[in-house]
Amino acid sequence: MEQCKNCEAVLHGSFCSACGQQAIAERLTVRHMLGEFIQAITNLERGFWYTARRLMSEPGPVVREYLEGRRRRFYHPVRYLFVLATLATVAMVWSGLFEQQQDQIISVQEQAMGIEPSERSRLSQQMVQEKIKPYLHLISLLTVPFLGLLSFRLFRKRAYNYAEHLAINAYWTAQLSLIGLIMVPIFIIFPKATGILFPSSILLSIIYYTFGFRQLFGIGYGRAAWKSFLTQVFGFMLMYIGITLIAFVGVIIYMLASTIFAN
């Protein structure tokens, strides 16, 4: 009788009833090693492509099914977001689109605040960009609690709690990263189109959330679009304020600690 190679128990199927290891009949190959490497990073065999395909056209039904407990077919929302945010970050930085998008954001901020562009402020912003590049994929994760807070407040009369709104926003933010990843080659092929990179990403987010809210909550397009706009705008504003406060507190703590240790 065949025995488990891990604990030597007698096998009665594809998996060991004693330790749970899968029955292994063949030796390691390069193909097998590559497969295990990809599986370890993304665990794609457990619903990744199914989740990606359905979220493209059914963002509302997907999260509804997941929140109702039908989760086996779906990829975990936080893991899904982490994988796609990482891939999107690599593509944006590698293609140079990240720097162009940041320049557009800075220009919008300067115009909104009535600030005259200066070389000094641009150099300062570029230094900040270089510092945050390694952590760009974490920014997508950081937006979810704030987007979740806004959507939870806007739909507080519905049945979903804050934790469930975190799952909703994790799935939808991840899918927007996937859509952005798909669009990267377009901006590379047509570099003149990068002038609309930032506004198009905002518009795309609002449209996708409008579609999702309408499906999930059964509301009209107008109401869904308005709440989508509020979620995106105020969610990112809250995140910006939160990061600013944390940075401010960090600077104060650093200055106090430096003063104490200097004395």
Protein backbone atom coordinates (compact mmCIF):
# COMPACT_ATOMS: atom_id res chain seq x y z
CA MET A 1 0.00 0.00 0.00
CA GLU A 2 1.17 3.50 -0.79
CA GLN A 3 2.36 5.52 2.18
CA CYS A 4 2.44 9.26 2.84
CA LYS A 5 5.95 10.58 2.22
CA ASN A 6 5.56 13.02 5.10
CA CYS A 7 4.27 10.91 8.02
CA GLU A 8 4.29 7.39 6.47
CA ALA A 9 0.60 6.79 7.17
CA VAL A 10 -1.28 4.58 4.70
CA LEU A 11 -2.88 6.63 1.91
CA HIS A 12 -6.55 6.12 1.04
CA GLY A 13 -6.91 8.92 -1.49
CA SER A 14 -5.23 11.99 -2.94
CA PHE A 15 -4.54 13.44 0.52
CA CYS A 16 -3.19 11.93 3.74
CA SER A 17 -5.89 11.53 6.38
CA ALA A 18 -3.28 11.90 9.14
CA CYS A 19 -1.29 15.02 8.18
CA GLY A 20 -3.20 16.37 5.19
CA GLN A 21 -0.31 16.36 2.71
CA GLN A 22 -1.14 15.67 -0.93
CA ALA A 23 0.01 12.32 -2.30
CA ILE A 24 3.28 12.83 -4.20
CA ALA A 25 4.16 10.29 -6.87
CA GLU A 26 6.72 12.08 -9.04
CA ARG A 27 10.07 13.76 -8.45
CA LEU A 28 10.55 17.52 -8.43
CA THR A 29 10.91 19.15 -11.84
CA VAL A 30 11.63 22.73 -12.91
CA ARG A 31 8.05 23.03 -14.14
CA HIS A 32 6.74 21.83 -10.80
CA MET A 33 8.99 24.28 -8.93
CA LEU A 34 7.82 27.21 -11.07
CA GLY A 35 4.21 26.19 -10.54
CA GLU A 36 4.66 26.06 -6.77
CA PHE A 37 6.43 29.44 -6.84
CA ILE A 38 3.53 31.11 -8.65
CA GLN A 39 1.03 29.34 -6.40
CA ALA A 40 2.86 30.51 -3.27
CA ILE A 41 2.79 34.14 -4.42
CA THR A 42 -0.74 34.43 -5.73
CA ASN A 43 -2.53 31.16 -4.92
CA LEU A 44 -4.19 31.58 -8.32
CA GLU A 45 -5.88 28.20 -8.29
CA ARG A 46 -8.28 29.35 -5.60
CA GLY A 47 -10.58 31.69 -7.44
CA PHE A 48 -8.26 34.47 -8.62
CA TRP A 49 -9.29 34.45 -12.28
CA TYR A 50 -12.91 33.66 -11.43
CA THR A 51 -12.99 36.66 -9.07
CA ALA A 52 -11.28 38.92 -11.61
CA ARG A 53 -13.64 37.93 -14.41
CA ARG A 54 -16.83 38.39 -12.40
CA LEU A 55 -15.76 41.65 -10.76
CA MET A 56 -15.30 43.13 -14.22
CA SER A 57 -19.02 42.99 -14.94
CA GLU A 58 -20.67 42.08 -11.61
CA PRO A 59 -19.04 44.03 -8.77
CA GLY A 60 -22.29 44.12 -6.81
CA PRO A 61 -23.27 40.44 -6.99
CA VAL A 62 -19.70 39.30 -6.24
CA VAL A 63 -19.45 41.16 -2.94
CA ARG A 64 -23.02 40.23 -2.05
CA GLU A 65 -22.27 36.54 -2.50
CA TYR A 66 -19.01 36.87 -0.58
CA LEU A 67 -20.66 38.68 2.33
CA GLU A 68 -23.49 36.15 2.43
CA GLY A 69 -20.95 33.39 3.03
CA ARG A 70 -20.48 31.91 -0.47
CA ARG A 71 -16.74 32.45 -0.34
CA ARG A 72 -15.13 29.25 -1.57
CA ARG A 73 -15.11 30.32 -5.21
CA PHE A 74 -13.69 33.79 -4.52
CA TYR A 75 -10.19 35.03 -3.83
CA HIS A 76 -9.79 36.70 -0.43
CA PRO A 77 -10.42 40.49 -0.87
CA VAL A 78 -7.30 41.72 0.97
CA ARG A 79 -5.01 39.22 -0.76
CA TYR A 80 -6.63 40.09 -4.10
CA LEU A 81 -5.97 43.78 -3.47
CA PHE A 82 -2.37 43.17 -2.39
CA VAL A 83 -1.52 41.11 -5.49
CA LEU A 84 -3.07 43.54 -7.99
CA ALA A 85 -1.83 46.69 -6.23
CA THR A 86 1.70 45.29 -6.29
CA LEU A 87 1.49 44.40 -10.00
CA ALA A 88 -0.02 47.79 -10.86
CA THR A 89 2.70 49.59 -8.89
CA VAL A 90 5.48 47.72 -10.68
CA ALA A 91 3.91 48.55 -14.06
CA MET A 92 3.39 52.24 -13.22
CA VAL A 93 6.93 52.75 -11.92
CA TRP A 94 8.58 50.73 -14.69
CA SER A 95 6.70 52.58 -17.44
CA GLY A 96 7.35 56.05 -15.96
CA LEU A 97 3.61 56.72 -15.69
CA PHE A 98 3.85 57.17 -11.92
CA GLU A 99 6.03 60.29 -12.24
CA GLN A 100 3.74 61.73 -14.90
CA GLN A 101 0.66 61.10 -12.78
CA GLN A 102 2.29 62.73 -9.75
CA ASP A 103 3.20 65.80 -11.82
CA GLN A 104 -0.45 66.10 -12.84
CA ILE A 105 -1.61 65.76 -9.22
CA ILE A 106 0.84 68.47 -8.11
CA SER A 107 -0.40 70.79 -10.89
CA VAL A 108 -4.02 70.24 -9.83
CA GLN A 109 -3.13 70.95 -6.19
CA GLU A 110 -1.27 74.14 -7.10
CA GLN A 111 -4.17 75.40 -9.22
CA ALA A 112 -6.75 74.52 -6.57
CA MET A 113 -4.78 76.32 -3.83
CA GLY A 114 -3.72 79.23 -6.05
CA ILE A 115 -0.01 78.50 -5.55
CA GLU A 116 2.52 79.62 -8.12
CA PRO A 117 4.62 76.68 -9.41
CA SER A 118 8.20 76.81 -8.14
CA GLU A 119 11.28 74.74 -8.87
CA ARG A 120 11.93 74.31 -5.15
CA SER A 121 8.52 72.83 -4.44
CA ARG A 122 8.80 70.53 -7.46
CA LEU A 123 12.18 69.23 -6.29
CA SER A 124 10.72 68.65 -2.83
CA GLN A 125 7.81 66.71 -4.33
CA GLN A 126 10.20 64.63 -6.41
CA MET A 127 12.15 63.70 -3.29
CA VAL A 128 8.92 62.60 -1.63
CA GLN A 129 8.02 60.54 -4.70
CA GLU A 130 11.35 58.72 -4.57
CA LYS A 131 10.82 57.95 -0.88
CA ILE A 132 7.31 56.52 -1.31
CA LYS A 133 7.97 54.49 -4.48
CA PRO A 134 8.81 51.27 -2.59
CA TYR A 135 5.56 51.56 -0.65
CA LEU A 136 3.13 52.52 -3.42
CA HIS A 137 1.28 49.20 -3.28
CA LEU A 138 0.61 49.82 0.43
CA ILE A 139 -1.11 53.12 -0.37
CA SER A 140 -3.89 51.19 -2.11
CA LEU A 141 -4.31 49.14 1.06
CA LEU A 142 -4.31 52.32 3.11
CA THR A 143 -7.15 53.87 1.11
CA VAL A 144 -9.54 51.01 1.90
CA PRO A 145 -10.30 51.92 5.57
CA PHE A 146 -11.16 55.49 4.54
CA LEU A 147 -13.22 54.49 1.51
CA GLY A 148 -14.95 51.91 3.70
CA LEU A 149 -15.75 54.53 6.32
CA LEU A 150 -17.35 56.80 3.72
CA SER A 151 -19.39 54.07 2.03
CA PHE A 152 -20.46 52.74 5.45
CA ARG A 153 -21.72 56.19 6.47
CA LEU A 154 -23.41 56.84 3.13
CA PHE A 155 -25.21 53.47 3.26
CA ARG A 156 -25.57 53.21 7.06
CA LYS A 157 -29.24 52.29 6.79
CA ARG A 158 -28.32 49.16 4.85
CA ALA A 159 -27.50 45.82 6.44
CA TYR A 160 -23.71 45.88 6.03
CA ASN A 161 -21.36 46.80 8.88
CA TYR A 162 -18.00 48.57 8.63
CA ALA A 163 -15.98 45.36 8.28
CA GLU A 164 -18.18 44.30 5.37
CA HIS A 165 -17.66 47.67 3.72
CA LEU A 166 -13.92 47.08 4.04
CA ALA A 167 -14.34 43.89 2.00
CA ILE A 168 -16.47 45.72 -0.57
CA ASN A 169 -13.88 48.45 -1.06
CA ALA A 170 -10.96 46.00 -1.05
CA TYR A 171 -12.51 44.09 -3.95
CA TRP A 172 -13.43 47.19 -5.94
CA THR A 173 -10.13 49.01 -5.34
CA ALA A 174 -8.28 45.87 -6.44
CA GLN A 175 -10.36 45.62 -9.60
CA LEU A 176 -9.59 49.24 -10.42
CA SER A 177 -5.89 48.36 -10.07
CA LEU A 178 -6.44 45.52 -12.55
CA ILE A 179 -8.19 47.84 -15.00
CA GLY A 180 -5.37 50.36 -14.59
CA LEU A 181 -2.85 47.59 -15.23
CA ILE A 182 -4.64 46.68 -18.46
CA MET A 183 -4.56 50.34 -19.57
CA VAL A 184 -0.81 50.83 -18.98
CA PRO A 185 0.16 49.55 -22.49
CA ILE A 186 -2.29 52.05 -24.03
CA PHE A 187 -0.53 55.00 -22.40
CA ILE A 188 2.86 53.57 -23.40
CA ILE A 189 1.79 53.20 -27.06
CA PHE A 190 0.09 56.62 -27.09
CA PRO A 191 2.29 58.81 -24.84
CA LYS A 192 0.27 61.95 -25.63
CA ALA A 193 -2.68 60.37 -23.83
CA THR A 194 -0.81 60.59 -20.50
CA GLY A 195 -2.10 64.15 -20.23
CA ILE A 196 -5.44 62.71 -19.14
CA LEU A 197 -3.94 59.99 -16.93
CA PHE A 198 -4.96 61.48 -13.57
CA PRO A 199 -8.47 62.74 -14.49
CA SER A 200 -9.24 59.51 -16.35
CA SER A 201 -8.27 57.40 -13.31
CA ILE A 202 -10.58 59.46 -11.07
CA LEU A 203 -13.43 59.26 -13.59
CA LEU A 204 -12.94 55.52 -14.00
CA SER A 205 -13.10 55.02 -10.23
CA ILE A 206 -16.34 56.96 -9.96
CA ILE A 207 -17.90 55.07 -12.88
CA TYR A 208 -16.92 51.66 -11.51
CA TYR A 209 -18.17 52.48 -8.01
CA THR A 210 -21.42 53.82 -9.52
CA PHE A 211 -21.90 50.51 -11.29
CA GLY A 212 -21.07 48.60 -8.10
CA PHE A 213 -23.33 50.61 -5.80
CA ARG A 214 -26.25 50.33 -8.23
CA GLN A 215 -25.91 46.53 -8.41
CA LEU A 216 -25.27 46.01 -4.71
CA PHE A 217 -27.92 48.31 -3.27
CA GLY A 218 -30.47 48.40 -6.10
CA ILE A 219 -30.48 52.21 -6.40
CA GLY A 220 -30.72 54.45 -9.47
CA TYR A 221 -27.74 55.61 -11.51
CA GLY A 222 -28.03 59.22 -10.30
CA ARG A 223 -27.97 58.33 -6.62
CA ALA A 224 -25.26 55.73 -7.14
CA ALA A 225 -23.09 58.23 -9.05
CA TRP A 226 -23.49 60.88 -6.36
CA LYS A 227 -22.54 58.49 -3.55
CA SER A 228 -19.69 57.13 -5.63
CA PHE A 229 -18.37 60.68 -6.10
CA LEU A 230 -18.62 61.39 -2.37
CA THR A 231 -16.92 58.12 -1.46
CA GLN A 232 -13.98 58.72 -3.79
CA VAL A 233 -13.44 62.43 -3.09
CA PHE A 234 -13.94 62.48 0.68
CA GLY A 235 -12.38 59.07 1.17
CA PHE A 236 -9.11 60.26 -0.36
CA MET A 237 -9.37 63.58 1.49
CA LEU A 238 -9.67 61.73 4.80
CA MET A 239 -6.70 59.57 3.89
CA TYR A 240 -4.62 62.62 3.06
CA ILE A 241 -5.58 64.31 6.34
CA GLY A 242 -4.85 61.12 8.26
CA ILE A 243 -1.41 60.71 6.70
CA THR A 244 -0.63 64.38 7.33
CA LEU A 245 -1.60 64.10 11.01
CA ILE A 246 0.43 60.93 11.46
CA ALA A 247 3.44 62.55 9.81
CA PHE A 248 2.99 65.68 11.98
CA VAL A 249 2.82 63.63 15.18
CA GLY A 250 5.83 61.60 14.05
CA VAL A 251 7.88 64.77 13.51
CA ILE A 252 6.93 66.11 16.95
CA ILE A 253 7.85 62.80 18.63
CA TYR A 254 11.14 62.74 16.75
CA MET A 255 11.96 66.32 17.80
CA LEU A 256 11.06 65.64 21.42
CA ALA A 257 13.11 62.46 21.47
CA SER A 258 16.07 64.26 19.90
CA THR A 259 15.85 67.01 22.52
CA ILE A 260 15.62 64.54 25.42
CA PHE A 261 18.57 62.42 24.25
CA ALA A 262 20.62 65.55 23.43
CA ASN A 263 20.30 66.67 27.04
